[in-house]
C-alpha atoms as a PDB file:
ATOM      1  CA  MET A   1     -12.364   0.776   3.010  1.00  0.00           C
ATOM      2  CA  SER A   2     -10.967   3.062   5.676  1.00  0.00           C
ATOM      3  CA  TYR A   3      -7.537   2.679   7.285  1.00  0.00           C
ATOM      4  CA  CYS A   4      -6.396   3.852  10.708  1.00  0.00           C
ATOM      5  CA  LEU A   5      -2.893   3.772  12.178  1.00  0.00           C
ATOM      6  CA  VAL A   6      -2.647   2.257  15.665  1.00  0.00           C
ATOM      7  CA  VAL A   7       0.455   2.875  17.749  1.00  0.00           C
ATOM      8  CA  PRO A   8       1.025   1.200  21.136  1.00  0.00           C
ATOM      9  CA  HIS A   9       3.254   3.401  23.316  1.00  0.00           C
ATOM     10  CA  TYR A  10       5.022   2.448  26.521  1.00  0.00           C
ATOM     11  CA  ASN A  11       7.842   4.683  27.799  1.00  0.00           C
ATOM     12  CA  HIS A  12       9.081   5.404  24.269  1.00  0.00           C
ATOM     13  CA  PHE A  13       8.540   9.158  24.311  1.00  0.00           C
ATOM     14  CA  GLN A  14      11.931  10.242  22.975  1.00  0.00           C
ATOM     15  CA  SER A  15      11.824   7.855  20.012  1.00  0.00           C
ATOM     16  CA  PHE A  16       8.153   8.558  19.360  1.00  0.00           C
ATOM     17  CA  GLU A  17       8.682  12.323  19.378  1.00  0.00           C
ATOM     18  CA  ALA A  18      11.301  11.971  16.635  1.00  0.00           C
ATOM     19  CA  PHE A  19       9.101   9.550  14.692  1.00  0.00           C
ATOM     20  CA  LEU A  20       5.848  11.535  14.949  1.00  0.00           C
ATOM     21  CA  PRO A  21       6.388  13.992  12.037  1.00  0.00           C
ATOM     22  CA  LYS A  22       6.827  11.056   9.631  1.00  0.00           C
ATOM     23  CA  LEU A  23       3.736   9.389  11.060  1.00  0.00           C
ATOM     24  CA  GLU A  24       1.691  12.574  10.735  1.00  0.00           C
ATOM     25  CA  SER A  25       2.861  13.109   7.152  1.00  0.00           C
ATOM     26  CA  LEU A  26       0.934  10.009   6.049  1.00  0.00           C
ATOM     27  CA  GLY A  27      -2.320  11.938   6.465  1.00  0.00           C
ATOM     28  CA  LEU A  28      -4.099   8.910   7.967  1.00  0.00           C
ATOM     29  CA  ALA A  29      -6.342   8.694  11.000  1.00  0.00           C
ATOM     30  CA  CYS A  30      -4.226   7.650  13.965  1.00  0.00           C
ATOM     31  CA  ILE A  31      -4.879   6.222  17.426  1.00  0.00           C
ATOM     32  CA  VAL A  32      -2.051   6.168  19.978  1.00  0.00           C
ATOM     33  CA  VAL A  33      -2.581   3.983  23.047  1.00  0.00           C
ATOM     34  CA  ASP A  34      -0.367   4.809  25.993  1.00  0.00           C
ATOM     35  CA  ASP A  35      -0.033   1.514  27.807  1.00  0.00           C
ATOM     36  CA  GLY A  36       0.684   2.702  31.340  1.00  0.00           C
ATOM     37  CA  SER A  37       3.831   4.777  30.780  1.00  0.00           C
ATOM     38  CA  ASP A  38       5.375   6.404  33.839  1.00  0.00           C
ATOM     39  CA  GLN A  39       3.917   9.744  34.896  1.00  0.00           C
ATOM     40  CA  GLU A  40       6.650  11.919  33.381  1.00  0.00           C
ATOM     41  CA  GLN A  41       6.559  10.231  29.974  1.00  0.00           C
ATOM     42  CA  ARG A  42       2.767  10.225  29.857  1.00  0.00           C
ATOM     43  CA  LYS A  43       2.636  13.946  30.626  1.00  0.00           C
ATOM     44  CA  LYS A  44       5.143  14.664  27.856  1.00  0.00           C
ATOM     45  CA  LEU A  45       3.120  12.539  25.445  1.00  0.00           C
ATOM     46  CA  GLU A  46      -0.092  14.353  26.315  1.00  0.00           C
ATOM     47  CA  GLU A  47       1.583  17.730  25.781  1.00  0.00           C
ATOM     48  CA  LEU A  48       3.094  16.613  22.479  1.00  0.00           C
ATOM     49  CA  LEU A  49      -0.140  15.229  21.049  1.00  0.00           C
ATOM     50  CA  SER A  50      -2.127  18.286  22.118  1.00  0.00           C
ATOM     51  CA  ASN A  51      -0.552  19.864  19.035  1.00  0.00           C
ATOM     52  CA  TYR A  52      -1.974  17.087  16.831  1.00  0.00           C
ATOM     53  CA  PRO A  53      -5.767  17.197  17.272  1.00  0.00           C
ATOM     54  CA  GLU A  54      -6.190  14.694  14.422  1.00  0.00           C
ATOM     55  CA  ILE A  55      -4.459  12.028  16.547  1.00  0.00           C
ATOM     56  CA  THR A  56      -6.552  10.273  19.198  1.00  0.00           C
ATOM     57  CA  LEU A  57      -4.771   9.442  22.457  1.00  0.00           C
ATOM     58  CA  LEU A  58      -6.156   6.629  24.588  1.00  0.00           C
ATOM     59  CA  LYS A  59      -4.660   5.633  27.923  1.00  0.00           C
ATOM     60  CA  HIS A  60      -4.386   2.492  30.009  1.00  0.00           C
ATOM     61  CA  GLY A  61      -4.182   3.038  33.743  1.00  0.00           C
ATOM     62  CA  TYR A  62      -1.392   0.476  34.047  1.00  0.00           C
ATOM     63  CA  ASN A  63       0.803  -1.546  31.702  1.00  0.00           C
ATOM     64  CA  ARG A  64      -1.475  -4.196  30.201  1.00  0.00           C
ATOM     65  CA  GLY A  65       0.694  -5.280  27.272  1.00  0.00           C
ATOM     66  CA  LYS A  66       1.114  -4.596  23.571  1.00  0.00           C
ATOM     67  CA  GLY A  67      -1.716  -6.881  22.525  1.00  0.00           C
ATOM     68  CA  ALA A  68      -4.099  -5.205  24.960  1.00  0.00           C
ATOM     69  CA  ALA A  69      -3.127  -1.806  23.512  1.00  0.00           C
ATOM     70  CA  ILE A  70      -3.807  -3.008  19.959  1.00  0.00           C
ATOM     71  CA  LEU A  71      -7.176  -4.403  21.048  1.00  0.00           C
ATOM     72  CA  THR A  72      -8.132  -1.091  22.689  1.00  0.00           C
ATOM     73  CA  ALA A  73      -7.205   0.759  19.500  1.00  0.00           C
ATOM     74  CA  ALA A  74      -9.113  -1.740  17.339  1.00  0.00           C
ATOM     75  CA  HIS A  75     -12.330  -1.137  19.318  1.00  0.00           C
ATOM     76  CA  ALA A  76     -11.902   2.631  18.956  1.00  0.00           C
ATOM     77  CA  ALA A  77     -11.148   2.331  15.225  1.00  0.00           C
ATOM     78  CA  ARG A  78     -14.278   0.248  14.686  1.00  0.00           C
ATOM     79  CA  GLN A  79     -16.394   2.821  16.559  1.00  0.00           C
ATOM     80  CA  ALA A  80     -14.917   5.551  14.358  1.00  0.00           C
ATOM     81  CA  GLY A  81     -16.021   3.706  11.230  1.00  0.00           C
ATOM     82  CA  HIS A  82     -12.704   2.269  10.038  1.00  0.00           C
ATOM     83  CA  THR A  83     -12.495  -1.135   8.361  1.00  0.00           C
ATOM     84  CA  HIS A  84      -8.752  -1.778   8.749  1.00  0.00           C
ATOM     85  CA  ILE A  85      -6.033  -0.910  11.245  1.00  0.00           C
ATOM     86  CA  ILE A  86      -2.321  -0.516  10.565  1.00  0.00           C
ATOM     87  CA  GLN A  87      -0.181  -1.600  13.502  1.00  0.00           C
ATOM     88  CA  ILE A  88       3.174   0.173  13.761  1.00  0.00           C
ATOM     89  CA  ASP A  89       5.643   0.501  16.638  1.00  0.00           C
ATOM     90  CA  ALA A  90       6.192   3.787  18.460  1.00  0.00           C
ATOM     91  CA  ASP A  91       9.980   3.656  18.384  1.00  0.00           C
ATOM     92  CA  GLY A  92      10.400   4.327  14.660  1.00  0.00           C
ATOM     93  CA  GLN A  93      12.113   1.075  13.736  1.00  0.00           C
ATOM     94  CA  HIS A  94       9.588   0.317  10.991  1.00  0.00           C
ATOM     95  CA  ASN A  95       9.963   1.852   7.553  1.00  0.00           C
ATOM     96  CA  ILE A  96       7.185   4.425   7.296  1.00  0.00           C
ATOM     97  CA  ASP A  97       7.698   4.570   3.527  1.00  0.00           C
ATOM     98  CA  ASP A  98       6.259   1.060   3.238  1.00  0.00           C
ATOM     99  CA  VAL A  99       2.879   1.955   4.768  1.00  0.00           C
ATOM    100  CA  GLN A 100       1.366   2.807   1.400  1.00  0.00           C
ATOM    101  CA  GLU A 101       2.556  -0.475  -0.098  1.00  0.00           C
ATOM    102  CA  LEU A 102       0.891  -2.394   2.744  1.00  0.00           C
ATOM    103  CA  ILE A 103      -2.328  -0.421   2.209  1.00  0.00           C
ATOM    104  CA  SER A 104      -2.278  -0.955  -1.565  1.00  0.00           C
ATOM    105  CA  HIS A 105      -1.857  -4.698  -1.112  1.00  0.00           C
ATOM    106  CA  SER A 106      -4.630  -4.735   1.479  1.00  0.00           C
ATOM    107  CA  GLU A 107      -6.989  -2.854  -0.838  1.00  0.00           C
ATOM    108  CA  ASN A 108      -6.544  -5.659  -3.380  1.00  0.00           C
ATOM    109  CA  ASN A 109      -6.872  -8.336  -0.671  1.00  0.00           C
ATOM    110  CA  PRO A 110      -9.306  -6.801   1.830  1.00  0.00           C
ATOM    111  CA  HIS A 111      -9.907  -9.956   3.887  1.00  0.00           C
ATOM    112  CA  LYS A 112      -6.247 -10.824   4.403  1.00  0.00           C
ATOM    113  CA  ILE A 113      -3.788  -9.698   7.045  1.00  0.00           C
ATOM    114  CA  VAL A 114      -0.844  -7.944   5.393  1.00  0.00           C
ATOM    115  CA  SER A 115       2.388  -8.118   7.382  1.00  0.00           C
ATOM    116  CA  GLY A 116       5.880  -6.817   6.981  1.00  0.00           C
ATOM    117  CA  ALA A 117       8.519  -9.473   6.295  1.00  0.00           C
ATOM    118  CA  PRO A 118      11.594  -7.830   7.803  1.00  0.00           C
ATOM    119  CA  TYR A 119      15.093  -7.800   6.512  1.00  0.00           C
ATOM    120  CA  PHE A 120      17.869  -6.365   8.641  1.00  0.00           C
ATOM    121  CA  ASP A 121      21.083  -4.413   8.293  1.00  0.00           C
ATOM    122  CA  GLU A 122      24.154  -4.737  10.495  1.00  0.00           C
ATOM    123  CA  SER A 123      22.379  -2.891  13.324  1.00  0.00           C
ATOM    124  CA  ALA A 124      20.298  -5.983  14.145  1.00  0.00           C
ATOM    125  CA  PRO A 125      21.480  -7.952  17.213  1.00  0.00           C
ATOM    126  CA  LYS A 126      22.444 -11.470  16.179  1.00  0.00           C
ATOM    127  CA  ALA A 127      20.431 -12.950  19.037  1.00  0.00           C
ATOM    128  CA  ARG A 128      17.267 -11.346  17.645  1.00  0.00           C
ATOM    129  CA  VAL A 129      17.942 -12.622  14.116  1.00  0.00           C
ATOM    130  CA  TYR A 130      18.578 -16.201  15.301  1.00  0.00           C
ATOM    131  CA  GLY A 131      15.634 -15.993  17.670  1.00  0.00           C
ATOM    132  CA  ARG A 132      13.339 -15.264  14.744  1.00  0.00           C
ATOM    133  CA  LYS A 133      14.535 -18.425  13.017  1.00  0.00           C
ATOM    134  CA  VAL A 134      13.703 -20.497  16.098  1.00  0.00           C
ATOM    135  CA  THR A 135      10.245 -18.934  16.301  1.00  0.00           C
ATOM    136  CA  SER A 136       9.639 -19.580  12.582  1.00  0.00           C
ATOM    137  CA  PHE A 137      10.480 -23.256  13.133  1.00  0.00           C
ATOM    138  CA  TRP A 138       7.832 -23.589  15.837  1.00  0.00           C
ATOM    139  CA  VAL A 139       5.236 -21.606  13.888  1.00  0.00           C
ATOM    140  CA  ALA A 140       5.718 -23.920  10.887  1.00  0.00           C
ATOM    141  CA  LEU A 141       4.904 -26.880  13.150  1.00  0.00           C
ATOM    142  CA  GLU A 142       1.936 -25.092  14.733  1.00  0.00           C
ATOM    143  CA  THR A 143       0.373 -24.328  11.340  1.00  0.00           C
ATOM    144  CA  LEU A 144       1.640 -27.401   9.429  1.00  0.00           C
ATOM    145  CA  SER A 145       2.859 -24.976   6.769  1.00  0.00           C
ATOM    146  CA  PHE A 146       5.423 -22.378   5.785  1.00  0.00           C
ATOM    147  CA  ASP A 147       2.676 -19.817   5.134  1.00  0.00           C
ATOM    148  CA  ILE A 148       3.813 -17.509   7.947  1.00  0.00           C
ATOM    149  CA  LYS A 149       7.162 -16.084   6.843  1.00  0.00           C
ATOM    150  CA  ASP A 150       7.650 -13.989   9.992  1.00  0.00           C
ATOM    151  CA  SER A 151       5.430 -13.953  13.060  1.00  0.00           C
ATOM    152  CA  LEU A 152       7.296 -11.342  15.098  1.00  0.00           C
ATOM    153  CA  CYS A 153       7.099  -8.221  12.949  1.00  0.00           C
ATOM    154  CA  GLY A 154       4.668  -5.727  14.501  1.00  0.00           C
ATOM    155  CA  PHE A 155       4.134  -3.810  11.237  1.00  0.00           C
ATOM    156  CA  ARG A 156       0.806  -5.068   9.869  1.00  0.00           C
ATOM    157  CA  VAL A 157      -2.584  -4.312   8.389  1.00  0.00           C
ATOM    158  CA  TYR A 158      -5.507  -6.116   9.993  1.00  0.00           C
ATOM    159  CA  PRO A 159      -9.010  -6.212   8.483  1.00  0.00           C
ATOM    160  CA  LEU A 160     -11.158  -5.515  11.521  1.00  0.00           C
ATOM    161  CA  LYS A 161     -13.865  -8.045  10.647  1.00  0.00           C
ATOM    162  CA  GLU A 162     -11.351 -10.886  10.576  1.00  0.00           C
ATOM    163  CA  PHE A 163      -9.457  -9.461  13.576  1.00  0.00           C
ATOM    164  CA  GLU A 164     -12.662  -9.585  15.610  1.00  0.00           C
ATOM    165  CA  ILE A 165     -13.429 -13.158  14.499  1.00  0.00           C
ATOM    166  CA  VAL A 166     -10.103 -14.324  15.918  1.00  0.00           C
ATOM    167  CA  PHE A 167     -10.654 -12.535  19.226  1.00  0.00           C
ATOM    168  CA  ASP A 168     -14.199 -13.923  19.436  1.00  0.00           C
ATOM    169  CA  ASN A 169     -13.024 -17.502  18.950  1.00  0.00           C
ATOM    170  CA  TYR A 170      -9.653 -17.588  20.716  1.00  0.00           C
ATOM    171  CA  ASN A 171      -7.863 -16.302  23.769  1.00  0.00           C
ATOM    172  CA  VAL A 172      -5.067 -14.223  22.185  1.00  0.00           C
ATOM    173  CA  GLY A 173      -2.055 -13.210  24.281  1.00  0.00           C
ATOM    174  CA  LYS A 174      -2.084  -9.591  25.385  1.00  0.00           C
ATOM    175  CA  ARG A 175       1.641  -9.098  25.951  1.00  0.00           C
ATOM    176  CA  MET A 176       4.824  -9.894  24.007  1.00  0.00           C
ATOM    177  CA  THR A 177       3.277 -13.076  22.634  1.00  0.00           C
ATOM    178  CA  PHE A 178       0.553 -11.162  20.783  1.00  0.00           C
ATOM    179  CA  ASP A 179       2.187 -10.836  17.351  1.00  0.00           C
ATOM    180  CA  THR A 180       2.884 -14.556  16.982  1.00  0.00           C
ATOM    181  CA  ASP A 181      -0.280 -15.744  18.686  1.00  0.00           C
ATOM    182  CA  ILE A 182      -2.703 -13.816  16.494  1.00  0.00           C
ATOM    183  CA  LEU A 183      -1.066 -14.930  13.230  1.00  0.00           C
ATOM    184  CA  VAL A 184      -1.111 -18.616  14.178  1.00  0.00           C
ATOM    185  CA  LYS A 185      -4.729 -18.474  15.345  1.00  0.00           C
ATOM    186  CA  SER A 186      -5.742 -16.494  12.261  1.00  0.00           C
ATOM    187  CA  HIS A 187      -4.189 -19.273  10.190  1.00  0.00           C
ATOM    188  CA  TRP A 188      -6.181 -21.877  12.132  1.00  0.00           C
ATOM    189  CA  GLU A 189      -9.315 -19.861  11.344  1.00  0.00           C
ATOM    190  CA  GLY A 190      -8.532 -19.867   7.603  1.00  0.00           C
ATOM    191  CA  ILE A 191      -7.572 -16.162   7.540  1.00  0.00           C
ATOM    192  CA  LYS A 192      -4.591 -15.750   5.236  1.00  0.00           C
ATOM    193  CA  THR A 193      -1.582 -13.483   5.771  1.00  0.00           C
ATOM    194  CA  ASP A 194       0.419 -11.972   2.916  1.00  0.00           C
ATOM    195  CA  PHE A 195       3.918 -10.606   3.473  1.00  0.00           C
ATOM    196  CA  ILE A 196       5.643  -7.511   2.102  1.00  0.00           C
ATOM    197  CA  ASP A 197       9.415  -7.136   2.432  1.00  0.00           C
ATOM    198  CA  THR A 198      10.330  -4.243   4.688  1.00  0.00           C
ATOM    199  CA  LYS A 199      13.556  -2.993   6.242  1.00  0.00           C
ATOM    200  CA  VAL A 200      13.700  -2.896  10.038  1.00  0.00           C
ATOM    201  CA  ILE A 201      16.276  -0.737  11.782  1.00  0.00           C
ATOM    202  CA  TYR A 202      17.416  -1.292  15.354  1.00  0.00           C
ATOM    203  CA  ILE A 203      17.864   2.218  16.695  1.00  0.00           C
ATOM    204  CA  GLU A 204      20.959   2.948  18.774  1.00  0.00           C
ATOM    205  CA  ASN A 205      20.249   3.369  22.506  1.00  0.00           C
ATOM    206  CA  ASN A 206      16.613   2.407  21.938  1.00  0.00           C
ATOM    207  CA  VAL A 207      14.662   1.235  24.986  1.00  0.00           C
ATOM    208  CA  SER A 208      13.712  -2.446  24.864  1.00  0.00           C
ATOM    209  CA  HIS A 209      10.829  -3.742  26.965  1.00  0.00           C
ATOM    210  CA  PHE A 210      11.788  -7.372  26.415  1.00  0.00           C
ATOM    211  CA  HIS A 211      12.485  -8.984  29.795  1.00  0.00           C
ATOM    212  CA  TYR A 212      14.728 -11.964  29.124  1.00  0.00           C
ATOM    213  CA  MET A 213      13.490 -14.361  31.795  1.00  0.00           C
ATOM    214  CA  ARG A 214       9.811 -13.356  31.978  1.00  0.00           C
ATOM    215  CA  ASP A 215       9.191 -13.019  28.260  1.00  0.00           C
ATOM    216  CA  ASN A 216      11.116 -16.136  27.244  1.00  0.00           C
ATOM    217  CA  LEU A 217       8.999 -18.098  29.716  1.00  0.00           C
ATOM    218  CA  LEU A 218       5.880 -16.545  28.167  1.00  0.00           C
ATOM    219  CA  LEU A 219       7.075 -17.575  24.700  1.00  0.00           C
ATOM    220  CA  ILE A 220       7.781 -21.136  25.841  1.00  0.00           C
ATOM    221  CA  LYS A 221       4.314 -21.287  27.372  1.00  0.00           C
ATOM    222  CA  LEU A 222       2.775 -19.871  24.184  1.00  0.00           C
ATOM    223  CA  HIS A 223       4.428 -22.401  21.872  1.00  0.00           C
ATOM    224  CA  THR A 224       3.498 -25.263  24.200  1.00  0.00           C
ATOM    225  CA  LYS A 225      -0.157 -24.198  24.064  1.00  0.00           C
ATOM    226  CA  LEU A 226      -0.047 -23.645  20.296  1.00  0.00           C
ATOM    227  CA  MET A 227       1.444 -27.094  19.711  1.00  0.00           C
ATOM    228  CA  LEU A 228      -1.311 -28.690  21.817  1.00  0.00           C
ATOM    229  CA  GLY A 229      -3.886 -26.564  19.993  1.00  0.00           C
ATOM    230  CA  MET A 230      -2.496 -27.643  16.641  1.00  0.00           C
ATOM    231  CA  LEU A 231      -2.754 -31.325  17.553  1.00  0.00           C
ATOM    232  CA  ILE A 232      -6.480 -31.147  18.284  1.00  0.00           C
ATOM    233  CA  ARG A 233      -7.068 -29.034  15.167  1.00  0.00           C
ATOM    234  CA  ILE A 234      -5.138 -31.183  12.674  1.00  0.00           C
ATOM    235  CA  PRO A 235      -8.282 -32.270  10.749  1.00  0.00           C
ATOM    236  CA  LYS A 236      -9.488 -28.642  10.426  1.00  0.00           C
ATOM    237  CA  ILE A 237      -6.023 -27.373   9.447  1.00  0.00           C
ATOM    238  CA  ILE A 238      -5.697 -30.034   6.737  1.00  0.00           C
ATOM    239  CA  LEU A 239      -9.224 -29.321   5.484  1.00  0.00           C
ATOM    240  CA  LEU A 240      -8.513 -25.597   5.213  1.00  0.00           C
ATOM    241  CA  LYS A 241      -5.160 -26.269   3.562  1.00  0.00           C
ATOM    242  CA  PHE A 242      -6.704 -28.267   0.718  1.00  0.00           C
ATOM    243  CA  SER A 243     -10.024 -26.466   0.399  1.00  0.00           C
END
């Protein structure tokens, strides 16, 4: 098995610059996808990564969304001969020290997704914490289970074979809905997800790309579609659950 870090980047240069030495210290192959950052930030990113020839930089011409960036990186990782990708955010909020634990668990469960199950300190906005609980409620209905402990954490290991099966069989959201959408549809496909506890830190003055009106409407639309999808898949979901 071969593991490759994938990092979607969109106007997070300052946070990413501070985070990069920790990322590089892992000694893993790494693909950074700049998802249409503004010209100044993209230029700075290019200059920064020119000092890290072991890191591959791919670029989208315009902002296509986090899911699209992960998909671009997954194609490149497959072409480079990797079997698994490790998704991690560019802003440094994920605990880099837990990467090896995710990999170790994945090595023992090579066909499963391995996801962080976040716990938070006092830096976490209360709205985000409560919002996760609401999302977990809907995901439990959409999968008829409590198998998915957290569908919003973007700190995961995906086996590429299973990742590609989901994208072949489903239309997976390419923007902020990606993290939840792919876990629910993986569950429908019988692909299991294991969870590893990990601390998530909300960094002071960090840039958020969550647009309250637009992205909440996208989430409402997503859960409506997933509920309808669950209803027509009830026999398959029950069969997989008891098989």
